[in-house]
Amino acid sequence: MKKLVLVTALIGLATALFAYNPPAGGQLMYNLTSPYQLSSASSAAGGGLFGATPGSICFNPALPAHEDRPQIDVGVTALTNAGFAFHNGIIIPMNMFVITALFDGIFSDSKYMDLGDSLTLKAGLSKEVTENISVGANLYAGYRFSDGSDFTFGTDIGALYRRDQLAFMKDFRIGASVLGIGKAYSGTKNGLDQLSWDNDWEDWMWLIPVTNLYRHYENIKRHIIGDDHNTNGYPGMFTFRTGAAAVMFSNDTVKGGVSADYTLVNFSDMIWDFGFQMSIKDRFYIAVAQTYDLLEAANSDVLGTNHLMPSFSVGYKFDIKTNGSFMKKHNWETSEFTASAGYKELYGNVRAISAGANLKFGKEDEDAPSIAVWN
């Protein structure tokens, strides 16, 4: 009986592996909306230099728990030869929780990155439960109104461990999250198997004058890869992400940190992310990130090698002074505004060119936080 159960489980897993057919960039769709997202290395630990924006809840819902200032974040990205993406987000620290909300729009109809046209809303709560540990959870819902329409909904959960120093590493962090516990988007036409089929077909184009096979292209395709060759499960359901990050060097002028993440997607794909972030005088920021997606690497002949190129972003932080009784009441006379730009090569002829702005109200609190622990 045990052997039968094991064999059945293995057959089910093999079927899921074979059937998994995301579009190129399906796991990256929430990374496309701003320079920070493009170059964050999808860090579940908050990046080499810790920084939580509303978009951070796409990687780990626990990351905003350390934020003690309200924050507004906007970003827009041109996807050349495909469409565009954007997001608007907000972080609101409260006495018991930190509230985060993020509204994403993805409009990408390229053959090489067929994500469709969708709007998705994420809302999360996070909290520091001890001096070193924070937790968080999101709810999300979205609607795709292209390719026959579809919807997504579900929840994400995450946790973060943080300590001031480990050996020579400062601000050492370990993060873990489970994302996509619910229904994912599916149904666009150009998944990885479709691109592979089209590429193989082009290799046999020399037969067309002899056989006239092009007249029966769709019928042949249907018999070989089936009627249901549309995409499924993007971003992947039950995505397990874990990562570590730390500041590796720092002085009065320069500070730099690294991050590394491992992701298991739907028990069907594995992704490795590596990131490097550096600041100069805590004003000028540089970030570089590299992603290696095993499934996409296996299809690199149809995606092109450019998707393996790293992404990067730059940003500069300004102080903004404001007047008014409301701003003085909350000690927000001086706030921090960061403008940023980013770039990433994607698939085929698709490139991401992004601009973003982030506003944090008030100056960073230098006092140790007062943490309310759950009873």
Protein backbone atom coordinates (compact mmCIF):
# COMPACT_ATOMS: atom_id res chain seq x y z
CA MET A 1 0.00 0.00 0.00
CA LYS A 2 2.82 2.41 0.90
CA LYS A 3 4.54 1.67 -2.42
CA LEU A 4 1.31 2.36 -4.29
CA VAL A 5 0.89 5.71 -2.51
CA LEU A 6 4.52 6.61 -3.27
CA VAL A 7 4.21 5.67 -6.95
CA THR A 8 0.95 7.62 -7.24
CA ALA A 9 2.58 10.68 -5.66
CA LEU A 10 5.57 10.46 -8.00
CA ILE A 11 3.30 10.17 -11.05
CA GLY A 12 1.32 13.18 -9.87
CA LEU A 13 4.49 15.20 -9.36
CA ALA A 14 5.85 14.22 -12.78
CA THR A 15 2.54 15.22 -14.37
CA ALA A 16 2.65 18.61 -12.65
CA LEU A 17 6.23 19.15 -13.78
CA PHE A 18 5.39 18.31 -17.38
CA ALA A 19 2.20 20.38 -17.38
CA TYR A 20 3.72 23.52 -15.85
CA ASN A 21 3.80 26.07 -18.67
CA PRO A 22 4.27 29.69 -17.52
CA PRO A 23 4.89 32.54 -19.93
CA ALA A 24 8.42 33.92 -20.06
CA GLY A 25 8.72 36.39 -17.19
CA GLY A 26 5.75 34.93 -15.34
CA GLN A 27 7.71 34.80 -12.09
CA LEU A 28 9.05 38.31 -12.66
CA MET A 29 5.80 40.13 -13.35
CA TYR A 30 5.73 41.94 -9.99
CA ASN A 31 9.44 42.81 -10.37
CA LEU A 32 8.77 44.92 -13.46
CA THR A 33 6.95 47.87 -11.94
CA SER A 34 9.74 50.11 -10.58
CA PRO A 35 13.55 50.46 -10.53
CA TYR A 36 13.71 49.11 -6.98
CA GLN A 37 11.69 46.05 -7.94
CA LEU A 38 13.86 45.42 -11.01
CA SER A 39 17.12 45.50 -9.04
CA SER A 40 15.99 44.12 -5.68
CA ALA A 41 17.10 40.54 -6.48
CA SER A 42 13.64 39.57 -5.16
CA SER A 43 15.24 39.52 -1.73
CA ALA A 44 13.19 37.88 1.01
CA ALA A 45 15.68 39.40 3.46
CA GLY A 46 15.29 43.01 2.32
CA GLY A 47 18.33 43.38 0.06
CA GLY A 48 22.01 43.93 0.77
CA LEU A 49 21.24 47.36 2.25
CA PHE A 50 17.95 46.84 4.03
CA GLY A 51 15.12 48.82 2.57
CA ALA A 52 11.42 48.03 2.56
CA THR A 53 9.06 49.64 0.07
CA PRO A 54 5.42 48.71 -0.58
CA GLY A 55 6.66 46.43 -3.37
CA SER A 56 8.70 44.41 -0.86
CA ILE A 57 5.58 42.48 0.12
CA CYS A 58 5.82 40.73 -3.27
CA PHE A 59 8.89 38.90 -1.89
CA ASN A 60 8.23 38.72 1.85
CA PRO A 61 5.20 40.24 3.63
CA ALA A 62 7.22 40.64 6.84
CA LEU A 63 9.70 43.18 5.42
CA PRO A 64 7.74 46.42 6.13
CA ALA A 65 7.48 45.58 9.86
CA HIS A 66 10.64 47.61 10.58
CA GLU A 67 9.36 50.78 8.91
CA ASP A 68 8.51 53.56 11.40
CA ARG A 69 7.61 56.27 8.86
CA PRO A 70 4.71 56.58 6.43
CA GLN A 71 5.85 55.98 2.88
CA ILE A 72 4.46 56.53 -0.62
CA ASP A 73 6.02 54.76 -3.59
CA VAL A 74 5.26 55.04 -7.32
CA GLY A 75 6.92 53.44 -10.31
CA VAL A 76 6.39 53.05 -14.05
CA THR A 77 8.23 50.87 -16.54
CA ALA A 78 8.25 50.90 -20.33
CA LEU A 79 8.43 47.36 -21.73
CA THR A 80 9.76 48.00 -25.21
CA ASN A 81 7.87 46.11 -27.96
CA ALA A 82 5.51 44.71 -25.32
CA GLY A 83 3.68 47.33 -23.24
CA PHE A 84 4.21 48.86 -19.81
CA ALA A 85 3.88 48.25 -16.07
CA PHE A 86 3.30 50.45 -13.04
CA HIS A 87 2.61 50.39 -9.33
CA ASN A 88 1.39 52.69 -6.57
CA GLY A 89 1.97 51.74 -2.96
CA ILE A 90 1.80 52.99 0.58
CA ILE A 91 3.15 51.97 4.00
CA ILE A 92 1.37 53.17 7.15
CA PRO A 93 2.96 52.33 10.54
CA MET A 94 0.40 51.85 13.32
CA ASN A 95 0.75 51.07 17.02
CA MET A 96 0.17 47.34 16.62
CA PHE A 97 0.89 46.67 12.96
CA VAL A 98 2.43 48.13 9.84
CA ILE A 99 -0.14 48.35 7.04
CA THR A 100 1.03 48.01 3.43
CA ALA A 101 -0.99 48.31 0.22
CA LEU A 102 0.23 47.87 -3.37
CA PHE A 103 -1.65 48.33 -6.65
CA ASP A 104 0.06 46.80 -9.72
CA GLY A 105 -0.74 47.11 -13.40
CA ILE A 106 0.93 44.83 -15.96
CA PHE A 107 0.28 45.28 -19.69
CA SER A 108 2.51 42.98 -21.73
CA ASP A 109 1.30 41.28 -24.92
CA SER A 110 4.58 40.38 -26.60
CA LYS A 111 5.03 36.89 -27.97
CA TYR A 112 8.21 36.70 -25.92
CA MET A 113 6.57 37.87 -22.66
CA ASP A 114 2.86 37.19 -22.88
CA LEU A 115 1.67 38.26 -19.42
CA GLY A 116 -1.57 39.82 -20.66
CA ASP A 117 -3.19 42.97 -19.26
CA SER A 118 -3.94 42.78 -15.54
CA LEU A 119 -4.54 44.82 -12.40
CA THR A 120 -3.68 43.35 -8.99
CA LEU A 121 -4.19 44.69 -5.46
CA LYS A 122 -2.16 43.44 -2.50
CA ALA A 123 -2.75 44.44 1.12
CA GLY A 124 -0.70 43.25 4.07
CA LEU A 125 -0.05 43.48 7.80
CA SER A 126 3.36 43.03 9.39
CA LYS A 127 4.69 43.21 12.93
CA GLU A 128 7.88 42.91 14.96
CA VAL A 129 7.06 40.14 17.43
CA THR A 130 10.46 40.12 19.18
CA GLU A 131 13.61 42.21 18.96
CA ASN A 132 14.93 39.95 16.18
CA ILE A 133 11.86 38.46 14.50
CA SER A 134 9.07 39.97 12.42
CA VAL A 135 6.16 38.32 10.63
CA GLY A 136 3.67 39.37 7.99
CA ALA A 137 0.81 38.27 5.75
CA ASN A 138 -0.86 39.57 2.58
CA LEU A 139 -4.18 39.14 0.86
CA TYR A 140 -4.29 39.76 -2.89
CA ALA A 141 -6.78 39.77 -5.74
CA GLY A 142 -6.43 40.64 -9.39
CA TYR A 143 -8.15 40.51 -12.76
CA ARG A 144 -6.72 40.00 -16.24
CA PHE A 145 -8.91 41.41 -18.97
CA SER A 146 -7.10 40.06 -22.04
CA ASP A 147 -6.83 36.61 -23.65
CA GLY A 148 -10.32 35.66 -22.55
CA SER A 149 -9.89 37.19 -19.05
CA ASP A 150 -8.92 35.46 -15.81
CA PHE A 151 -8.48 36.29 -12.13
CA THR A 152 -6.18 35.62 -9.21
CA PHE A 153 -6.65 35.66 -5.44
CA GLY A 154 -4.94 34.26 -2.39
CA THR A 155 -2.55 34.99 0.45
CA ASP A 156 1.18 35.24 1.17
CA ILE A 157 2.96 34.72 4.48
CA GLY A 158 6.51 35.49 5.58
CA ALA A 159 8.97 35.96 8.42
CA LEU A 160 12.28 37.77 8.91
CA TYR A 161 15.11 37.17 11.40
CA ARG A 162 17.46 40.10 11.95
CA ARG A 163 20.52 40.67 14.13
CA ASP A 164 23.00 43.52 14.36
CA GLN A 165 26.10 41.50 13.56
CA LEU A 166 27.22 37.98 12.64
CA ALA A 167 31.00 37.56 12.41
CA PHE A 168 32.19 40.38 10.10
CA MET A 169 28.71 40.92 8.59
CA LYS A 170 26.54 43.76 9.87
CA ASP A 171 22.74 43.85 9.85
CA PHE A 172 22.55 40.13 9.09
CA ARG A 173 19.13 38.90 8.00
CA ILE A 174 17.40 35.67 7.01
CA GLY A 175 13.97 35.81 5.39
CA ALA A 176 11.49 33.16 4.33
CA SER A 177 8.08 33.35 2.69
CA VAL A 178 5.40 31.25 1.07
CA LEU A 179 3.78 33.12 -1.80
CA GLY A 180 0.83 32.41 -4.05
CA ILE A 181 -1.33 30.36 -1.68
CA GLY A 182 -4.41 30.55 -3.86
CA LYS A 183 -5.31 30.79 -7.53
CA ALA A 184 -2.77 32.09 -10.05
CA TYR A 185 -3.28 33.68 -13.46
CA SER A 186 -3.45 31.38 -16.48
CA GLY A 187 -4.66 31.25 -20.09
CA THR A 188 -2.40 33.52 -22.15
CA LYS A 189 -1.32 31.96 -25.45
CA ASN A 190 2.47 32.05 -25.49
CA GLY A 191 3.89 29.81 -22.79
CA LEU A 192 7.38 28.37 -22.89
CA ASP A 193 6.23 25.19 -24.67
CA GLN A 194 4.50 27.29 -27.33
CA LEU A 195 7.67 29.30 -27.94
CA SER A 196 9.69 26.09 -28.16
CA TRP A 197 7.25 24.65 -30.70
CA ASP A 198 7.32 27.79 -32.84
CA ASN A 199 11.11 27.81 -32.77
CA ASP A 200 11.29 24.14 -33.82
CA TRP A 201 8.78 24.81 -36.60
CA GLU A 202 11.01 27.55 -37.98
CA ASP A 203 13.87 25.03 -38.17
CA TRP A 204 11.77 23.04 -40.67
CA MET A 205 10.68 25.97 -42.82
CA TRP A 206 12.72 24.62 -45.72
CA LEU A 207 10.10 21.86 -46.09
CA ILE A 208 7.29 24.32 -46.78
CA PRO A 209 7.76 24.57 -50.57
CA VAL A 210 7.83 20.79 -50.79
CA THR A 211 5.03 19.77 -48.45
CA ASN A 212 2.78 22.82 -47.95
CA LEU A 213 2.76 21.92 -44.25
CA TYR A 214 2.21 25.55 -43.34
CA ARG A 215 -1.46 25.15 -44.29
CA HIS A 216 -1.87 22.61 -41.50
CA TYR A 217 0.34 24.33 -38.92
CA GLU A 218 -2.34 24.69 -36.23
CA ASN A 219 -3.65 21.12 -36.68
CA ILE A 220 -0.15 19.67 -36.45
CA LYS A 221 0.61 21.72 -33.36
CA ARG A 222 -2.66 20.63 -31.74
CA HIS A 223 -1.88 16.96 -32.26
CA ILE A 224 1.63 17.20 -30.87
CA ILE A 225 1.33 19.52 -27.85
CA GLY A 226 -2.43 19.24 -27.34
CA ASP A 227 -5.32 21.67 -27.37
CA ASP A 228 -4.50 23.07 -23.93
CA HIS A 229 -1.10 24.61 -24.59
CA ASN A 230 -2.00 27.93 -22.98
CA THR A 231 -0.06 29.21 -20.01
CA ASN A 232 -0.84 28.23 -16.43
CA GLY A 233 0.17 29.15 -12.91
CA TYR A 234 1.92 32.50 -13.06
CA PRO A 235 3.29 33.75 -10.79
CA GLY A 236 3.64 30.21 -9.47
CA MET A 237 1.34 28.91 -6.78
CA PHE A 238 2.97 27.73 -3.56
CA THR A 239 6.25 29.52 -4.18
CA PHE A 240 8.71 28.91 -1.35
CA ARG A 241 11.34 31.65 -1.07
CA THR A 242 14.23 31.92 1.35
CA GLY A 243 17.15 34.33 1.39
CA ALA A 244 19.94 35.90 3.38
CA ALA A 245 21.46 39.39 3.25
CA ALA A 246 24.00 41.49 5.12
CA VAL A 247 26.11 44.63 5.00
CA MET A 248 29.61 43.52 4.02
CA PHE A 249 31.52 46.80 4.36
CA SER A 250 30.77 50.29 5.62
CA ASN A 251 32.45 53.55 6.58
CA ASP A 252 31.50 57.22 6.71
CA THR A 253 31.44 57.42 2.90
CA VAL A 254 30.54 54.07 1.37
CA LYS A 255 28.40 51.14 2.45
CA GLY A 256 27.78 47.93 0.51
CA GLY A 257 25.78 44.75 1.01
CA VAL A 258 24.86 41.53 -0.75
CA SER A 259 21.86 39.21 -0.85
CA ALA A 260 21.23 35.68 -2.08
CA ASP A 261 17.87 33.92 -2.49
CA TYR A 262 16.61 30.49 -3.47
CA THR A 263 13.05 29.97 -4.72
CA LEU A 264 11.10 26.76 -5.39
CA VAL A 265 8.16 27.47 -7.67
CA ASN A 266 5.15 25.16 -7.63
CA PHE A 267 7.54 22.19 -7.14
CA SER A 268 8.25 22.68 -10.85
CA ASP A 269 10.97 25.31 -11.17
CA MET A 270 13.90 26.70 -9.21
CA ILE A 271 15.23 30.25 -9.22
CA TRP A 272 18.41 31.74 -7.76
CA ASP A 273 18.76 35.50 -7.16
CA PHE A 274 21.89 37.43 -6.25
CA GLY A 275 22.08 41.14 -5.50
CA PHE A 276 24.62 43.83 -4.65
CA GLN A 277 23.69 47.26 -3.32
CA MET A 278 25.91 50.21 -2.45
CA SER A 279 25.34 53.70 -1.11
CA ILE A 280 27.63 56.73 -1.17
CA LYS A 281 27.17 59.26 1.64
CA ASP A 282 23.71 57.69 2.16
CA ARG A 283 22.59 59.77 -0.82
CA PHE A 284 23.55 58.04 -4.04
CA TYR A 285 22.50 54.40 -4.50
CA ILE A 286 23.55 51.70 -6.94
CA ALA A 287 21.95 48.25 -7.16
CA VAL A 288 22.75 45.27 -9.39
CA ALA A 289 20.78 42.02 -9.45
CA GLN A 290 21.11 38.70 -11.27
CA THR A 291 18.37 36.09 -11.63
CA TYR A 292 18.82 32.53 -12.86
CA ASP A 293 15.56 30.72 -13.62
CA LEU A 294 16.16 27.03 -14.30
CA LEU A 295 13.10 26.55 -16.52
CA GLU A 296 13.84 29.65 -18.57
CA ALA A 297 17.51 28.69 -18.88
CA ALA A 298 16.40 25.35 -20.33
CA ASN A 299 14.51 27.33 -22.99
CA SER A 300 17.22 29.91 -23.61
CA ASP A 301 17.37 28.98 -27.31
CA VAL A 302 13.94 30.55 -27.82
CA LEU A 303 14.19 33.30 -25.19
CA GLY A 304 17.61 34.55 -26.19
CA THR A 305 20.57 34.97 -23.89
CA ASN A 306 19.75 38.57 -23.00
CA HIS A 307 17.39 37.49 -20.21
CA LEU A 308 20.45 36.29 -18.28
CA MET A 309 21.90 39.82 -18.20
CA PRO A 310 21.81 41.50 -14.77
CA SER A 311 19.46 44.35 -13.97
CA PHE A 312 20.62 47.58 -12.37
CA SER A 313 19.26 50.79 -10.92
CA VAL A 314 20.55 54.09 -9.56
CA GLY A 315 18.87 56.48 -7.14
CA TYR A 316 19.47 59.76 -5.34
CA LYS A 317 17.91 60.86 -2.05
CA PHE A 318 16.90 64.48 -1.40
CA ASP A 319 15.69 66.17 1.77
CA ILE A 320 12.40 68.02 1.39
CA LYS A 321 11.39 70.66 3.93
CA THR A 322 7.73 71.48 4.45
CA ASN A 323 5.73 73.81 6.67
CA GLY A 324 2.30 73.64 8.21
CA SER A 325 0.80 72.69 11.54
CA PHE A 326 -0.09 69.16 10.42
CA MET A 327 3.48 68.39 9.34
CA LYS A 328 4.90 69.90 12.54
CA LYS A 329 2.47 67.93 14.67
CA HIS A 330 3.85 64.67 13.26
CA ASN A 331 7.47 65.88 13.16
CA TRP A 332 7.49 65.72 9.35
CA GLU A 333 9.03 69.12 8.62
CA THR A 334 11.88 67.33 6.83
CA SER A 335 11.13 64.27 4.68
CA GLU A 336 13.19 62.08 2.33
CA PHE A 337 12.47 61.86 -1.39
CA THR A 338 14.32 59.32 -3.55
CA ALA A 339 14.24 59.43 -7.35
CA SER A 340 15.45 56.34 -9.20
CA ALA A 341 15.90 54.81 -12.64
CA GLY A 342 16.49 51.19 -13.68
CA TYR A 343 17.08 48.94 -16.68
CA LYS A 344 16.81 45.24 -17.46
CA GLU A 345 17.08 43.20 -20.63
CA LEU A 346 14.25 40.67 -20.81
CA TYR A 347 13.22 38.30 -23.61
CA GLY A 348 13.46 38.54 -27.38
CA ASN A 349 13.25 42.24 -28.21
CA VAL A 350 11.72 43.26 -24.85
CA ARG A 351 13.60 45.65 -22.54
CA ALA A 352 12.50 47.22 -19.25
CA ILE A 353 13.25 50.93 -18.73
CA SER A 354 11.93 52.12 -15.39
CA ALA A 355 11.56 55.29 -13.31
CA GLY A 356 10.36 55.61 -9.73
CA ALA A 357 9.87 57.95 -6.79
CA ASN A 358 9.67 57.21 -3.08
CA LEU A 359 8.67 59.62 -0.30
CA LYS A 360 9.28 58.84 3.38
CA PHE A 361 7.65 61.31 5.74
CA GLY A 362 9.95 62.64 8.45
CA LYS A 363 13.52 61.66 9.26
CA GLU A 364 14.61 58.21 10.38
CA ASP A 365 14.08 57.60 14.10
CA GLU A 366 17.47 57.08 15.75
CA ASP A 367 15.95 55.87 19.03
CA ALA A 368 15.52 52.20 19.76
CA PRO A 369 11.98 51.07 18.92
CA SER A 370 9.45 50.20 21.58
CA ILE A 371 8.08 46.79 20.60
CA ALA A 372 4.70 45.55 21.72
CA VAL A 373 4.88 41.77 21.94
CA TRP A 374 1.75 39.68 21.47
CA ASN A 375 0.42 38.10 24.64
